[in-house]
Amino acid sequence: MKSIKLLIAGLLSLMPALAMAQDPGAQGMSVMGQIIFFAGFILIFYFLIWRPQSKRAKEHKALMSGLNKGDEVVTSGGVAGRITKVADDFIVLEVSDNVEIKVQKVAVAAALPKGTLKDI
């Protein structure tokens, strides 16, 4: 038991000497490495987030500008109907016989194929 205590005491006394003998540590990335890392991060951000969102926004804008009377659409709230009137920012949807609601154009989520409402 005494020999184990002497061994541990000897190792503990060598620890400061071993710590001083080691390299001061890695210096970190160079400036060029940091620039490459940052550029890679920007490219990943562009291709995974910014570009797909821009594409979806462009498609939705084209959908809103192409709305015409008689088109069948579904809103983001899930209301399906046929367009009876188109204004600048609003459309009037006929959701049932003699039931019309006014919604904003931006609330239109998708255009449906003709005859979809009759099948529902």
PDB file of N, CA and C in Angstrom:
ATOM      1  N   MET A   1       0.816  -1.182   0.000  1.00  0.00           N
ATOM      2  CA  MET A   1       0.000   0.000   0.000  1.00  0.00           C
ATOM      3  C   MET A   1       0.870   1.259   0.000  1.00  0.00           C
ATOM      4  N   LYS A   2       1.959   1.189   0.755  1.00  0.00           N
ATOM      5  CA  LYS A   2       2.858   2.323   0.843  1.00  0.00           C
ATOM      6  C   LYS A   2       3.537   2.589  -0.496  1.00  0.00           C
ATOM      7  N   SER A   3       3.802   1.532  -1.255  1.00  0.00           N
ATOM      8  CA  SER A   3       4.456   1.704  -2.555  1.00  0.00           C
ATOM      9  C   SER A   3       3.521   2.372  -3.559  1.00  0.00           C
ATOM     10  N   ILE A   4       2.236   2.096  -3.435  1.00  0.00           N
ATOM     11  CA  ILE A   4       1.266   2.725  -4.346  1.00  0.00           C
ATOM     12  C   ILE A   4       1.180   4.217  -4.039  1.00  0.00           C
ATOM     13  N   LYS A   5       1.210   4.577  -2.755  1.00  0.00           N
ATOM     14  CA  LYS A   5       1.162   5.983  -2.384  1.00  0.00           C
ATOM     15  C   LYS A   5       2.404   6.715  -2.879  1.00  0.00           C
ATOM     16  N   LEU A   6       3.577   6.062  -2.781  1.00  0.00           N
ATOM     17  CA  LEU A   6       4.807   6.680  -3.273  1.00  0.00           C
ATOM     18  C   LEU A   6       4.772   6.848  -4.793  1.00  0.00           C
ATOM     19  N   LEU A   7       4.202   5.857  -5.494  1.00  0.00           N
ATOM     20  CA  LEU A   7       4.084   5.936  -6.946  1.00  0.00           C
ATOM     21  C   LEU A   7       3.171   7.086  -7.362  1.00  0.00           C
ATOM     22  N   ILE A   8       2.044   7.214  -6.687  1.00  0.00           N
ATOM     23  CA  ILE A   8       1.100   8.292  -7.002  1.00  0.00           C
ATOM     24  C   ILE A   8       1.727   9.642  -6.691  1.00  0.00           C
ATOM     25  N   ALA A   9       2.423   9.746  -5.562  1.00  0.00           N
ATOM     26  CA  ALA A   9       3.076  11.010  -5.198  1.00  0.00           C
ATOM     27  C   ALA A   9       4.154  11.365  -6.218  1.00  0.00           C
ATOM     28  N   GLY A  10       4.889  10.376  -6.695  1.00  0.00           N
ATOM     29  CA  GLY A  10       5.925  10.620  -7.692  1.00  0.00           C
ATOM     30  C   GLY A  10       5.334  11.084  -9.017  1.00  0.00           C
ATOM     31  N   LEU A  11       4.237  10.449  -9.431  1.00  0.00           N
ATOM     32  CA  LEU A  11       3.582  10.859 -10.677  1.00  0.00           C
ATOM     33  C   LEU A  11       3.001  12.255 -10.566  1.00  0.00           C
ATOM     34  N   LEU A  12       2.421  12.570  -9.417  1.00  0.00           N
ATOM     35  CA  LEU A  12       1.855  13.903  -9.238  1.00  0.00           C
ATOM     36  C   LEU A  12       2.940  14.971  -9.225  1.00  0.00           C
ATOM     37  N   SER A  13       4.115  14.636  -8.714  1.00  0.00           N
ATOM     38  CA  SER A  13       5.200  15.616  -8.708  1.00  0.00           C
ATOM     39  C   SER A  13       5.753  15.835 -10.119  1.00  0.00           C
ATOM     40  N   LEU A  14       5.593  14.857 -11.021  1.00  0.00           N
ATOM     41  CA  LEU A  14       6.061  15.005 -12.393  1.00  0.00           C
ATOM     42  C   LEU A  14       5.063  15.746 -13.288  1.00  0.00           C
ATOM     43  N   MET A  15       3.802  15.851 -12.872  1.00  0.00           N
ATOM     44  CA  MET A  15       2.773  16.479 -13.712  1.00  0.00           C
ATOM     45  C   MET A  15       3.122  17.911 -14.130  1.00  0.00           C
ATOM     46  N   PRO A  16       3.563  18.784 -13.238  1.00  0.00           N
ATOM     47  CA  PRO A  16       3.905  20.140 -13.702  1.00  0.00           C
ATOM     48  C   PRO A  16       5.045  20.129 -14.720  1.00  0.00           C
ATOM     49  N   ALA A  17       6.012  19.243 -14.551  1.00  0.00           N
ATOM     50  CA  ALA A  17       7.122  19.171 -15.501  1.00  0.00           C
ATOM     51  C   ALA A  17       6.635  18.677 -16.862  1.00  0.00           C
ATOM     52  N   LEU A  18       5.712  17.700 -16.852  1.00  0.00           N
ATOM     53  CA  LEU A  18       5.169  17.202 -18.123  1.00  0.00           C
ATOM     54  C   LEU A  18       4.329  18.274 -18.816  1.00  0.00           C
ATOM     55  N   ALA A  19       3.593  19.029 -18.038  1.00  0.00           N
ATOM     56  CA  ALA A  19       2.758  20.076 -18.624  1.00  0.00           C
ATOM     57  C   ALA A  19       3.617  21.163 -19.265  1.00  0.00           C
ATOM     58  N   MET A  20       4.744  21.479 -18.660  1.00  0.00           N
ATOM     59  CA  MET A  20       5.614  22.514 -19.218  1.00  0.00           C
ATOM     60  C   MET A  20       6.350  22.017 -20.461  1.00  0.00           C
ATOM     61  N   ALA A  21       6.526  20.710 -20.588  1.00  0.00           N
ATOM     62  CA  ALA A  21       7.276  20.163 -21.711  1.00  0.00           C
ATOM     63  C   ALA A  21       6.427  20.039 -22.976  1.00  0.00           C
ATOM     64  N   GLN A  22       5.112  20.133 -22.848  1.00  0.00           N
ATOM     65  CA  GLN A  22       4.238  19.973 -24.012  1.00  0.00           C
ATOM     66  C   GLN A  22       4.220  21.239 -24.854  1.00  0.00           C
ATOM     67  N   ASP A  23       3.721  21.062 -26.113  1.00  0.00           N
ATOM     68  CA  ASP A  23       3.539  22.212 -26.995  1.00  0.00           C
ATOM     69  C   ASP A  23       2.540  23.165 -26.363  1.00  0.00           C
ATOM     70  N   PRO A  24       2.642  24.423 -26.676  1.00  0.00           N
ATOM     71  CA  PRO A  24       1.680  25.368 -26.115  1.00  0.00           C
ATOM     72  C   PRO A  24       0.258  25.125 -26.631  1.00  0.00           C
ATOM     73  N   GLY A  25       0.086  24.233 -27.554  1.00  0.00           N
ATOM     74  CA  GLY A  25      -1.241  23.924 -28.079  1.00  0.00           C
ATOM     75  C   GLY A  25      -1.366  24.357 -29.519  1.00  0.00           C
ATOM     76  N   ALA A  26      -2.430  23.931 -30.114  1.00  0.00           N
ATOM     77  CA  ALA A  26      -2.676  24.288 -31.507  1.00  0.00           C
ATOM     78  C   ALA A  26      -2.953  25.778 -31.603  1.00  0.00           C
ATOM     79  N   GLN A  27      -2.474  26.374 -32.650  1.00  0.00           N
ATOM     80  CA  GLN A  27      -2.649  27.807 -32.836  1.00  0.00           C
ATOM     81  C   GLN A  27      -4.032  28.158 -33.371  1.00  0.00           C
ATOM     82  N   GLY A  28      -4.822  27.180 -33.752  1.00  0.00           N
ATOM     83  CA  GLY A  28      -6.132  27.447 -34.343  1.00  0.00           C
ATOM     84  C   GLY A  28      -6.009  27.538 -35.851  1.00  0.00           C
ATOM     85  N   MET A  29      -7.093  27.927 -36.485  1.00  0.00           N
ATOM     86  CA  MET A  29      -7.085  28.041 -37.936  1.00  0.00           C
ATOM     87  C   MET A  29      -6.351  29.298 -38.367  1.00  0.00           C
ATOM     88  N   SER A  30      -5.725  29.198 -39.521  1.00  0.00           N
ATOM     89  CA  SER A  30      -5.110  30.390 -40.096  1.00  0.00           C
ATOM     90  C   SER A  30      -6.214  31.285 -40.650  1.00  0.00           C
ATOM     91  N   VAL A  31      -5.837  32.455 -41.055  1.00  0.00           N
ATOM     92  CA  VAL A  31      -6.815  33.399 -41.605  1.00  0.00           C
ATOM     93  C   VAL A  31      -7.447  32.820 -42.874  1.00  0.00           C
ATOM     94  N   MET A  32      -6.635  32.180 -43.700  1.00  0.00           N
ATOM     95  CA  MET A  32      -7.154  31.589 -44.934  1.00  0.00           C
ATOM     96  C   MET A  32      -8.120  30.450 -44.608  1.00  0.00           C
ATOM     97  N   GLY A  33      -7.800  29.664 -43.609  1.00  0.00           N
ATOM     98  CA  GLY A  33      -8.694  28.584 -43.192  1.00  0.00           C
ATOM     99  C   GLY A  33     -10.027  29.116 -42.705  1.00  0.00           C
ATOM    100  N   GLN A  34      -9.981  30.231 -41.973  1.00  0.00           N
ATOM    101  CA  GLN A  34     -11.217  30.842 -41.492  1.00  0.00           C
ATOM    102  C   GLN A  34     -12.056  31.375 -42.652  1.00  0.00           C
ATOM    103  N   ILE A  35     -11.418  31.956 -43.640  1.00  0.00           N
ATOM    104  CA  ILE A  35     -12.142  32.478 -44.807  1.00  0.00           C
ATOM    105  C   ILE A  35     -12.789  31.337 -45.577  1.00  0.00           C
ATOM    106  N   ILE A  36     -12.053  30.252 -45.759  1.00  0.00           N
ATOM    107  CA  ILE A  36     -12.609  29.088 -46.474  1.00  0.00           C
ATOM    108  C   ILE A  36     -13.784  28.498 -45.690  1.00  0.00           C
ATOM    109  N   PHE A  37     -13.647  28.393 -44.387  1.00  0.00           N
ATOM    110  CA  PHE A  37     -14.729  27.879 -43.549  1.00  0.00           C
ATOM    111  C   PHE A  37     -15.966  28.775 -43.651  1.00  0.00           C
ATOM    112  N   PHE A  38     -15.767  30.087 -43.571  1.00  0.00           N
ATOM    113  CA  PHE A  38     -16.883  31.033 -43.658  1.00  0.00           C
ATOM    114  C   PHE A  38     -17.547  30.971 -45.027  1.00  0.00           C
ATOM    115  N   ALA A  39     -16.747  30.873 -46.096  1.00  0.00           N
ATOM    116  CA  ALA A  39     -17.301  30.782 -47.454  1.00  0.00           C
ATOM    117  C   ALA A  39     -18.104  29.492 -47.616  1.00  0.00           C
ATOM    118  N   GLY A  40     -17.604  28.394 -47.070  1.00  0.00           N
ATOM    119  CA  GLY A  40     -18.358  27.135 -47.122  1.00  0.00           C
ATOM    120  C   GLY A  40     -19.675  27.249 -46.381  1.00  0.00           C
ATOM    121  N   PHE A  41     -19.656  27.909 -45.243  1.00  0.00           N
ATOM    122  CA  PHE A  41     -20.882  28.113 -44.467  1.00  0.00           C
ATOM    123  C   PHE A  41     -21.893  28.929 -45.261  1.00  0.00           C
ATOM    124  N   ILE A  42     -21.436  29.980 -45.934  1.00  0.00           N
ATOM    125  CA  ILE A  42     -22.323  30.818 -46.751  1.00  0.00           C
ATOM    126  C   ILE A  42     -22.912  30.009 -47.905  1.00  0.00           C
ATOM    127  N   LEU A  43     -22.113  29.183 -48.561  1.00  0.00           N
ATOM    128  CA  LEU A  43     -22.606  28.366 -49.674  1.00  0.00           C
ATOM    129  C   LEU A  43     -23.667  27.369 -49.203  1.00  0.00           C
ATOM    130  N   ILE A  44     -23.423  26.737 -48.077  1.00  0.00           N
ATOM    131  CA  ILE A  44     -24.416  25.795 -47.530  1.00  0.00           C
ATOM    132  C   ILE A  44     -25.700  26.534 -47.206  1.00  0.00           C
ATOM    133  N   PHE A  45     -25.596  27.693 -46.581  1.00  0.00           N
ATOM    134  CA  PHE A  45     -26.771  28.500 -46.248  1.00  0.00           C
ATOM    135  C   PHE A  45     -27.542  28.873 -47.513  1.00  0.00           C
ATOM    136  N   TYR A  46     -26.815  29.261 -48.571  1.00  0.00           N
ATOM    137  CA  TYR A  46     -27.460  29.669 -49.818  1.00  0.00           C
ATOM    138  C   TYR A  46     -28.211  28.511 -50.459  1.00  0.00           C
ATOM    139  N   PHE A  47     -27.556  27.346 -50.595  1.00  0.00           N
ATOM    140  CA  PHE A  47     -28.168  26.235 -51.313  1.00  0.00           C
ATOM    141  C   PHE A  47     -29.235  25.503 -50.503  1.00  0.00           C
ATOM    142  N   LEU A  48     -29.173  25.510 -49.201  1.00  0.00           N
ATOM    143  CA  LEU A  48     -30.149  24.771 -48.405  1.00  0.00           C
ATOM    144  C   LEU A  48     -31.319  25.623 -47.919  1.00  0.00           C
ATOM    145  N   ILE A  49     -31.131  26.935 -47.803  1.00  0.00           N
ATOM    146  CA  ILE A  49     -32.193  27.764 -47.240  1.00  0.00           C
ATOM    147  C   ILE A  49     -32.651  28.854 -48.194  1.00  0.00           C
ATOM    148  N   TRP A  50     -31.737  29.697 -48.610  1.00  0.00           N
ATOM    149  CA  TRP A  50     -32.113  30.884 -49.346  1.00  0.00           C
ATOM    150  C   TRP A  50     -32.665  30.565 -50.738  1.00  0.00           C
ATOM    151  N   ARG A  51     -31.981  29.746 -51.506  1.00  0.00           N
ATOM    152  CA  ARG A  51     -32.395  29.445 -52.876  1.00  0.00           C
ATOM    153  C   ARG A  51     -33.752  28.736 -52.951  1.00  0.00           C
ATOM    154  N   PRO A  52     -34.000  27.675 -52.155  1.00  0.00           N
ATOM    155  CA  PRO A  52     -35.320  27.043 -52.218  1.00  0.00           C
ATOM    156  C   PRO A  52     -36.455  27.977 -51.802  1.00  0.00           C
ATOM    157  N   GLN A  53     -36.216  28.827 -50.798  1.00  0.00           N
ATOM    158  CA  GLN A  53     -37.256  29.761 -50.376  1.00  0.00           C
ATOM    159  C   GLN A  53     -37.536  30.782 -51.465  1.00  0.00           C
ATOM    160  N   SER A  54     -36.513  31.250 -52.130  1.00  0.00           N
ATOM    161  CA  SER A  54     -36.686  32.196 -53.223  1.00  0.00           C
ATOM    162  C   SER A  54     -37.473  31.563 -54.365  1.00  0.00           C
ATOM    163  N   LYS A  55     -37.197  30.302 -54.649  1.00  0.00           N
ATOM    164  CA  LYS A  55     -37.908  29.587 -55.712  1.00  0.00           C
ATOM    165  C   LYS A  55     -39.389  29.443 -55.368  1.00  0.00           C
ATOM    166  N   ARG A  56     -39.685  29.073 -54.111  1.00  0.00           N
ATOM    167  CA  ARG A  56     -41.090  28.953 -53.688  1.00  0.00           C
ATOM    168  C   ARG A  56     -41.811  30.293 -53.758  1.00  0.00           C
ATOM    169  N   ALA A  57     -41.139  31.363 -53.360  1.00  0.00           N
ATOM    170  CA  ALA A  57     -41.750  32.690 -53.404  1.00  0.00           C
ATOM    171  C   ALA A  57     -42.054  33.101 -54.843  1.00  0.00           C
ATOM    172  N   LYS A  58     -41.151  32.781 -55.750  1.00  0.00           N
ATOM    173  CA  LYS A  58     -41.363  33.120 -57.158  1.00  0.00           C
ATOM    174  C   LYS A  58     -42.552  32.334 -57.729  1.00  0.00           C
ATOM    175  N   GLU A  59     -42.657  31.051 -57.385  1.00  0.00           N
ATOM    176  CA  GLU A  59     -43.781  30.244 -57.857  1.00  0.00           C
ATOM    177  C   GLU A  59     -45.107  30.754 -57.301  1.00  0.00           C
ATOM    178  N   HIS A  60     -45.121  31.162 -56.030  1.00  0.00           N
ATOM    179  CA  HIS A  60     -46.357  31.672 -55.425  1.00  0.00           C
ATOM    180  C   HIS A  60     -46.762  33.003 -56.045  1.00  0.00           C
ATOM    181  N   LYS A  61     -45.776  33.837 -56.352  1.00  0.00           N
ATOM    182  CA  LYS A  61     -46.074  35.114 -57.003  1.00  0.00           C
ATOM    183  C   LYS A  61     -46.680  34.885 -58.389  1.00  0.00           C
ATOM    184  N   ALA A  62     -46.148  33.904 -59.130  1.00  0.00           N
ATOM    185  CA  ALA A  62     -46.694  33.574 -60.448  1.00  0.00           C
ATOM    186  C   ALA A  62     -48.110  33.021 -60.318  1.00  0.00           C
ATOM    187  N   LEU A  63     -48.359  32.235 -59.275  1.00  0.00           N
ATOM    188  CA  LEU A  63     -49.698  31.700 -59.036  1.00  0.00           C
ATOM    189  C   LEU A  63     -50.683  32.826 -58.768  1.00  0.00           C
ATOM    190  N   MET A  64     -50.303  33.788 -57.927  1.00  0.00           N
ATOM    191  CA  MET A  64     -51.202  34.900 -57.594  1.00  0.00           C
ATOM    192  C   MET A  64     -51.497  35.777 -58.795  1.00  0.00           C
ATOM    193  N   SER A  65     -50.489  35.998 -59.635  1.00  0.00           N
ATOM    194  CA  SER A  65     -50.717  36.861 -60.800  1.00  0.00           C
ATOM    195  C   SER A  65     -51.533  36.150 -61.878  1.00  0.00           C
ATOM    196  N   GLY A  66     -51.578  34.819 -61.845  1.00  0.00           N
ATOM    197  CA  GLY A  66     -52.310  34.067 -62.861  1.00  0.00           C
ATOM    198  C   GLY A  66     -53.721  33.674 -62.453  1.00  0.00           C
ATOM    199  N   LEU A  67     -54.215  34.186 -61.337  1.00  0.00           N
ATOM    200  CA  LEU A  67     -55.576  33.837 -60.908  1.00  0.00           C
ATOM    201  C   LEU A  67     -56.611  34.526 -61.793  1.00  0.00           C
ATOM    202  N   ASN A  68     -57.583  33.745 -62.264  1.00  0.00           N
ATOM    203  CA  ASN A  68     -58.644  34.271 -63.125  1.00  0.00           C
ATOM    204  C   ASN A  68     -59.997  33.808 -62.618  1.00  0.00           C
ATOM    205  N   LYS A  69     -61.031  34.482 -63.089  1.00  0.00           N
ATOM    206  CA  LYS A  69     -62.389  34.090 -62.745  1.00  0.00           C
ATOM    207  C   LYS A  69     -62.645  32.671 -63.264  1.00  0.00           C
ATOM    208  N   GLY A  70     -63.225  31.829 -62.423  1.00  0.00           N
ATOM    209  CA  GLY A  70     -63.529  30.460 -62.809  1.00  0.00           C
ATOM    210  C   GLY A  70     -62.491  29.442 -62.356  1.00  0.00           C
ATOM    211  N   ASP A  71     -61.325  29.908 -61.913  1.00  0.00           N
ATOM    212  CA  ASP A  71     -60.295  28.988 -61.421  1.00  0.00           C
ATOM    213  C   ASP A  71     -60.734  28.390 -60.084  1.00  0.00           C
ATOM    214  N   GLU A  72     -60.358  27.147 -59.877  1.00  0.00           N
ATOM    215  CA  GLU A  72     -60.638  26.488 -58.604  1.00  0.00           C
ATOM    216  C   GLU A  72     -59.355  26.489 -57.787  1.00  0.00           C
ATOM    217  N   VAL A  73     -59.455  26.978 -56.541  1.00  0.00           N
ATOM    218  CA  VAL A  73     -58.277  27.139 -55.701  1.00  0.00           C
ATOM    219  C   VAL A  73     -58.562  26.632 -54.300  1.00  0.00           C
ATOM    220  N   VAL A  74     -57.491  26.430 -53.551  1.00  0.00           N
ATOM    221  CA  VAL A  74     -57.591  26.125 -52.132  1.00  0.00           C
ATOM    222  C   VAL A  74     -56.729  27.148 -51.397  1.00  0.00           C
ATOM    223  N   THR A  75     -57.242  27.656 -50.272  1.00  0.00           N
ATOM    224  CA  THR A  75     -56.513  28.658 -49.509  1.00  0.00           C
ATOM    225  C   THR A  75     -55.595  27.990 -48.505  1.00  0.00           C
ATOM    226  N   SER A  76     -54.758  28.794 -47.887  1.00  0.00           N
ATOM    227  CA  SER A  76     -53.845  28.259 -46.871  1.00  0.00           C
ATOM    228  C   SER A  76     -54.605  27.783 -45.639  1.00  0.00           C
ATOM    229  N   GLY A  77     -55.824  28.227 -45.452  1.00  0.00           N
ATOM    230  CA  GLY A  77     -56.669  27.765 -44.354  1.00  0.00           C
ATOM    231  C   GLY A  77     -57.425  26.495 -44.687  1.00  0.00           C
ATOM    232  N   GLY A  78     -57.325  26.025 -45.924  1.00  0.00           N
ATOM    233  CA  GLY A  78     -57.966  24.783 -46.324  1.00  0.00           C
ATOM    234  C   GLY A  78     -59.321  24.957 -46.979  1.00  0.00           C
ATOM    235  N   VAL A  79     -59.733  26.179 -47.234  1.00  0.00           N
ATOM    236  CA  VAL A  79     -61.022  26.440 -47.881  1.00  0.00           C
ATOM    237  C   VAL A  79     -60.847  26.300 -49.388  1.00  0.00           C
ATOM    238  N   ALA A  80     -61.668  25.446 -49.991  1.00  0.00           N
ATOM    239  CA  ALA A  80     -61.624  25.245 -51.440  1.00  0.00           C
ATOM    240  C   ALA A  80     -62.823  25.935 -52.064  1.00  0.00           C
ATOM    241  N   GLY A  81     -62.601  26.565 -53.216  1.00  0.00           N
ATOM    242  CA  GLY A  81     -63.706  27.248 -53.879  1.00  0.00           C
ATOM    243  C   GLY A  81     -63.335  27.675 -55.280  1.00  0.00           C
ATOM    244  N   ARG A  82     -64.346  28.229 -55.956  1.00  0.00           N
ATOM    245  CA  ARG A  82     -64.172  28.715 -57.337  1.00  0.00           C
ATOM    246  C   ARG A  82     -64.155  30.241 -57.293  1.00  0.00           C
ATOM    247  N   ILE A  83     -63.231  30.848 -58.006  1.00  0.00           N
ATOM    248  CA  ILE A  83     -63.109  32.308 -58.021  1.00  0.00           C
ATOM    249  C   ILE A  83     -64.237  32.897 -58.845  1.00  0.00           C
ATOM    250  N   THR A  84     -64.957  33.862 -58.240  1.00  0.00           N
ATOM    251  CA  THR A  84     -66.029  34.545 -58.965  1.00  0.00           C
ATOM    252  C   THR A  84     -65.672  35.984 -59.298  1.00  0.00           C
ATOM    253  N   LYS A  85     -64.718  36.552 -58.556  1.00  0.00           N
ATOM    254  CA  LYS A  85     -64.318  37.931 -58.808  1.00  0.00           C
ATOM    255  C   LYS A  85     -62.865  38.101 -58.389  1.00  0.00           C
ATOM    256  N   VAL A  86     -62.102  38.833 -59.214  1.00  0.00           N
ATOM    257  CA  VAL A  86     -60.688  39.080 -58.925  1.00  0.00           C
ATOM    258  C   VAL A  86     -60.481  40.588 -58.846  1.00  0.00           C
ATOM    259  N   ALA A  87     -59.919  41.049 -57.718  1.00  0.00           N
ATOM    260  CA  ALA A  87     -59.544  42.456 -57.548  1.00  0.00           C
ATOM    261  C   ALA A  87     -58.021  42.517 -57.414  1.00  0.00           C
ATOM    262  N   ASP A  88     -57.513  43.691 -57.066  1.00  0.00           N
ATOM    263  CA  ASP A  88     -56.060  43.846 -56.955  1.00  0.00           C
ATOM    264  C   ASP A  88     -55.470  42.947 -55.871  1.00  0.00           C
ATOM    265  N   ASP A  89     -55.988  43.043 -54.657  1.00  0.00           N
ATOM    266  CA  ASP A  89     -55.423  42.286 -53.540  1.00  0.00           C
ATOM    267  C   ASP A  89     -56.347  41.192 -53.022  1.00  0.00           C
ATOM    268  N   PHE A  90     -57.596  41.200 -53.440  1.00  0.00           N
ATOM    269  CA  PHE A  90     -58.579  40.242 -52.924  1.00  0.00           C
ATOM    270  C   PHE A  90     -59.246  39.477 -54.061  1.00  0.00           C
ATOM    271  N   ILE A  91     -59.747  38.287 -53.705  1.00  0.00           N
ATOM    272  CA  ILE A  91     -60.575  37.508 -54.625  1.00  0.00           C
ATOM    273  C   ILE A  91     -61.831  37.097 -53.872  1.00  0.00           C
ATOM    274  N   VAL A  92     -62.881  36.830 -54.623  1.00  0.00           N
ATOM    275  CA  VAL A  92     -64.126  36.332 -54.032  1.00  0.00           C
ATOM    276  C   VAL A  92     -64.253  34.876 -54.447  1.00  0.00           C
ATOM    277  N   LEU A  93     -64.374  33.993 -53.431  1.00  0.00           N
ATOM    278  CA  LEU A  93     -64.510  32.561 -53.674  1.00  0.00           C
ATOM    279  C   LEU A  93     -65.941  32.129 -53.429  1.00  0.00           C
ATOM    280  N   GLU A  94     -66.455  31.314 -54.340  1.00  0.00           N
ATOM    281  CA  GLU A  94     -67.749  30.668 -54.129  1.00  0.00           C
ATOM    282  C   GLU A  94     -67.442  29.285 -53.555  1.00  0.00           C
ATOM    283  N   VAL A  95     -67.766  29.107 -52.272  1.00  0.00           N
ATOM    284  CA  VAL A  95     -67.448  27.852 -51.606  1.00  0.00           C
ATOM    285  C   VAL A  95     -68.614  26.875 -51.630  1.00  0.00           C
ATOM    286  N   SER A  96     -69.806  27.373 -51.882  1.00  0.00           N
ATOM    287  CA  SER A  96     -71.007  26.557 -52.006  1.00  0.00           C
ATOM    288  C   SER A  96     -72.013  27.360 -52.817  1.00  0.00           C
ATOM    289  N   ASP A  97     -73.164  26.774 -53.100  1.00  0.00           N
ATOM    290  CA  ASP A  97     -74.180  27.515 -53.846  1.00  0.00           C
ATOM    291  C   ASP A  97     -74.598  28.746 -53.045  1.00  0.00           C
ATOM    292  N   ASN A  98     -74.485  29.924 -53.660  1.00  0.00           N
ATOM    293  CA  ASN A  98     -74.859  31.203 -53.062  1.00  0.00           C
ATOM    294  C   ASN A  98     -74.095  31.526 -51.778  1.00  0.00           C
ATOM    295  N   VAL A  99     -72.922  30.945 -51.572  1.00  0.00           N
ATOM    296  CA  VAL A  99     -72.074  31.278 -50.420  1.00  0.00           C
ATOM    297  C   VAL A  99     -70.725  31.738 -50.969  1.00  0.00           C
ATOM    298  N   GLU A 100     -70.437  33.022 -50.765  1.00  0.00           N
ATOM    299  CA  GLU A 100     -69.193  33.593 -51.250  1.00  0.00           C
ATOM    300  C   GLU A 100     -68.421  34.201 -50.086  1.00  0.00           C
ATOM    301  N   ILE A 101     -67.109  34.074 -50.148  1.00  0.00           N
ATOM    302  CA  ILE A 101     -66.256  34.695 -49.147  1.00  0.00           C
ATOM    303  C   ILE A 101     -65.164  35.477 -49.863  1.00  0.00           C
ATOM    304  N   LYS A 102     -64.727  36.534 -49.211  1.00  0.00           N
ATOM    305  CA  LYS A 102     -63.664  37.368 -49.767  1.00  0.00           C
ATOM    306  C   LYS A 102     -62.380  37.026 -49.017  1.00  0.00           C
ATOM    307  N   VAL A 103     -61.313  36.705 -49.762  1.00  0.00           N
ATOM    308  CA  VAL A 103     -60.020  36.381 -49.169  1.00  0.00           C
ATOM    309  C   VAL A 103     -58.915  37.141 -49.902  1.00  0.00           C
ATOM    310  N   GLN A 104     -57.810  37.304 -49.225  1.00  0.00           N
ATOM    311  CA  GLN A 104     -56.663  37.941 -49.866  1.00  0.00           C
ATOM    312  C   GLN A 104     -56.036  36.979 -50.873  1.00  0.00           C
ATOM    313  N   LYS A 105     -55.455  37.538 -51.914  1.00  0.00           N
ATOM    314  CA  LYS A 105     -54.801  36.709 -52.923  1.00  0.00           C
ATOM    315  C   LYS A 105     -53.642  35.907 -52.333  1.00  0.00           C
ATOM    316  N   VAL A 106     -52.928  36.503 -51.383  1.00  0.00           N
ATOM    317  CA  VAL A 106     -51.767  35.822 -50.810  1.00  0.00           C
ATOM    318  C   VAL A 106     -52.173  34.601 -49.997  1.00  0.00           C
ATOM    319  N   ALA A 107     -53.468  34.477 -49.652  1.00  0.00           N
ATOM    320  CA  ALA A 107     -53.940  33.319 -48.889  1.00  0.00           C
ATOM    321  C   ALA A 107     -54.158  32.101 -49.772  1.00  0.00           C
ATOM    322  N   VAL A 108     -54.105  32.273 -51.091  1.00  0.00           N
ATOM    323  CA  VAL A 108     -54.280  31.137 -51.996  1.00  0.00           C
ATOM    324  C   VAL A 108     -53.029  30.272 -51.945  1.00  0.00           C
ATOM    325  N   ALA A 109     -53.210  29.000 -51.601  1.00  0.00           N
ATOM    326  CA  ALA A 109     -52.074  28.086 -51.472  1.00  0.00           C
ATOM    327  C   ALA A 109     -51.803  27.342 -52.774  1.00  0.00           C
ATOM    328  N   ALA A 110     -52.871  26.968 -53.495  1.00  0.00           N
ATOM    329  CA  ALA A 110     -52.665  26.192 -54.719  1.00  0.00           C
ATOM    330  C   ALA A 110     -53.870  26.334 -55.629  1.00  0.00           C
ATOM    331  N   ALA A 111     -53.623  26.189 -56.918  1.00  0.00           N
ATOM    332  CA  ALA A 111     -54.693  26.135 -57.899  1.00  0.00           C
ATOM    333  C   ALA A 111     -55.021  24.662 -58.130  1.00  0.00           C
ATOM    334  N   LEU A 112     -56.301  24.364 -58.194  1.00  0.00           N
ATOM    335  CA  LEU A 112     -56.753  22.977 -58.391  1.00  0.00           C
ATOM    336  C   LEU A 112     -57.092  22.745 -59.861  1.00  0.00           C
ATOM    337  N   PRO A 113     -56.984  21.510 -60.328  1.00  0.00           N
ATOM    338  CA  PRO A 113     -57.424  21.210 -61.689  1.00  0.00           C
ATOM    339  C   PRO A 113     -58.933  21.430 -61.828  1.00  0.00           C
ATOM    340  N   LYS A 114     -59.360  21.764 -63.024  1.00  0.00           N
ATOM    341  CA  LYS A 114     -60.793  21.996 -63.280  1.00  0.00           C
ATOM    342  C   LYS A 114     -61.598  20.765 -62.935  1.00  0.00           C
ATOM    343  N   GLY A 115     -62.723  20.939 -62.287  1.00  0.00           N
ATOM    344  CA  GLY A 115     -63.613  19.846 -61.941  1.00  0.00           C
ATOM    345  C   GLY A 115     -63.315  19.197 -60.601  1.00  0.00           C
ATOM    346  N   THR A 116     -62.314  19.663 -59.912  1.00  0.00           N
ATOM    347  CA  THR A 116     -61.958  19.072 -58.618  1.00  0.00           C
ATOM    348  C   THR A 116     -63.052  19.289 -57.605  1.00  0.00           C
ATOM    349  N   LEU A 117     -63.678  20.456 -57.612  1.00  0.00           N
ATOM    350  CA  LEU A 117     -64.719  20.758 -56.626  1.00  0.00           C
ATOM    351  C   LEU A 117     -65.957  19.888 -56.816  1.00  0.00           C
ATOM    352  N   LYS A 118     -66.234  19.486 -58.039  1.00  0.00           N
ATOM    353  CA  LYS A 118     -67.397  18.603 -58.282  1.00  0.00           C
ATOM    354  C   LYS A 118     -67.156  17.214 -57.742  1.00  0.00           C
ATOM    355  N   ASP A 119     -65.886  16.789 -57.713  1.00  0.00           N
ATOM    356  CA  ASP A 119     -65.541  15.456 -57.214  1.00  0.00           C
ATOM    357  C   ASP A 119     -65.549  15.382 -55.698  1.00  0.00           C
ATOM    358  N   ILE A 120     -65.458  16.524 -55.046  1.00  0.00           N
ATOM    359  CA  ILE A 120     -65.386  16.522 -53.562  1.00  0.00           C
ATOM    360  C   ILE A 120     -66.754  16.299 -52.955  1.00  0.00           C
TER     361      ILE A 120
END
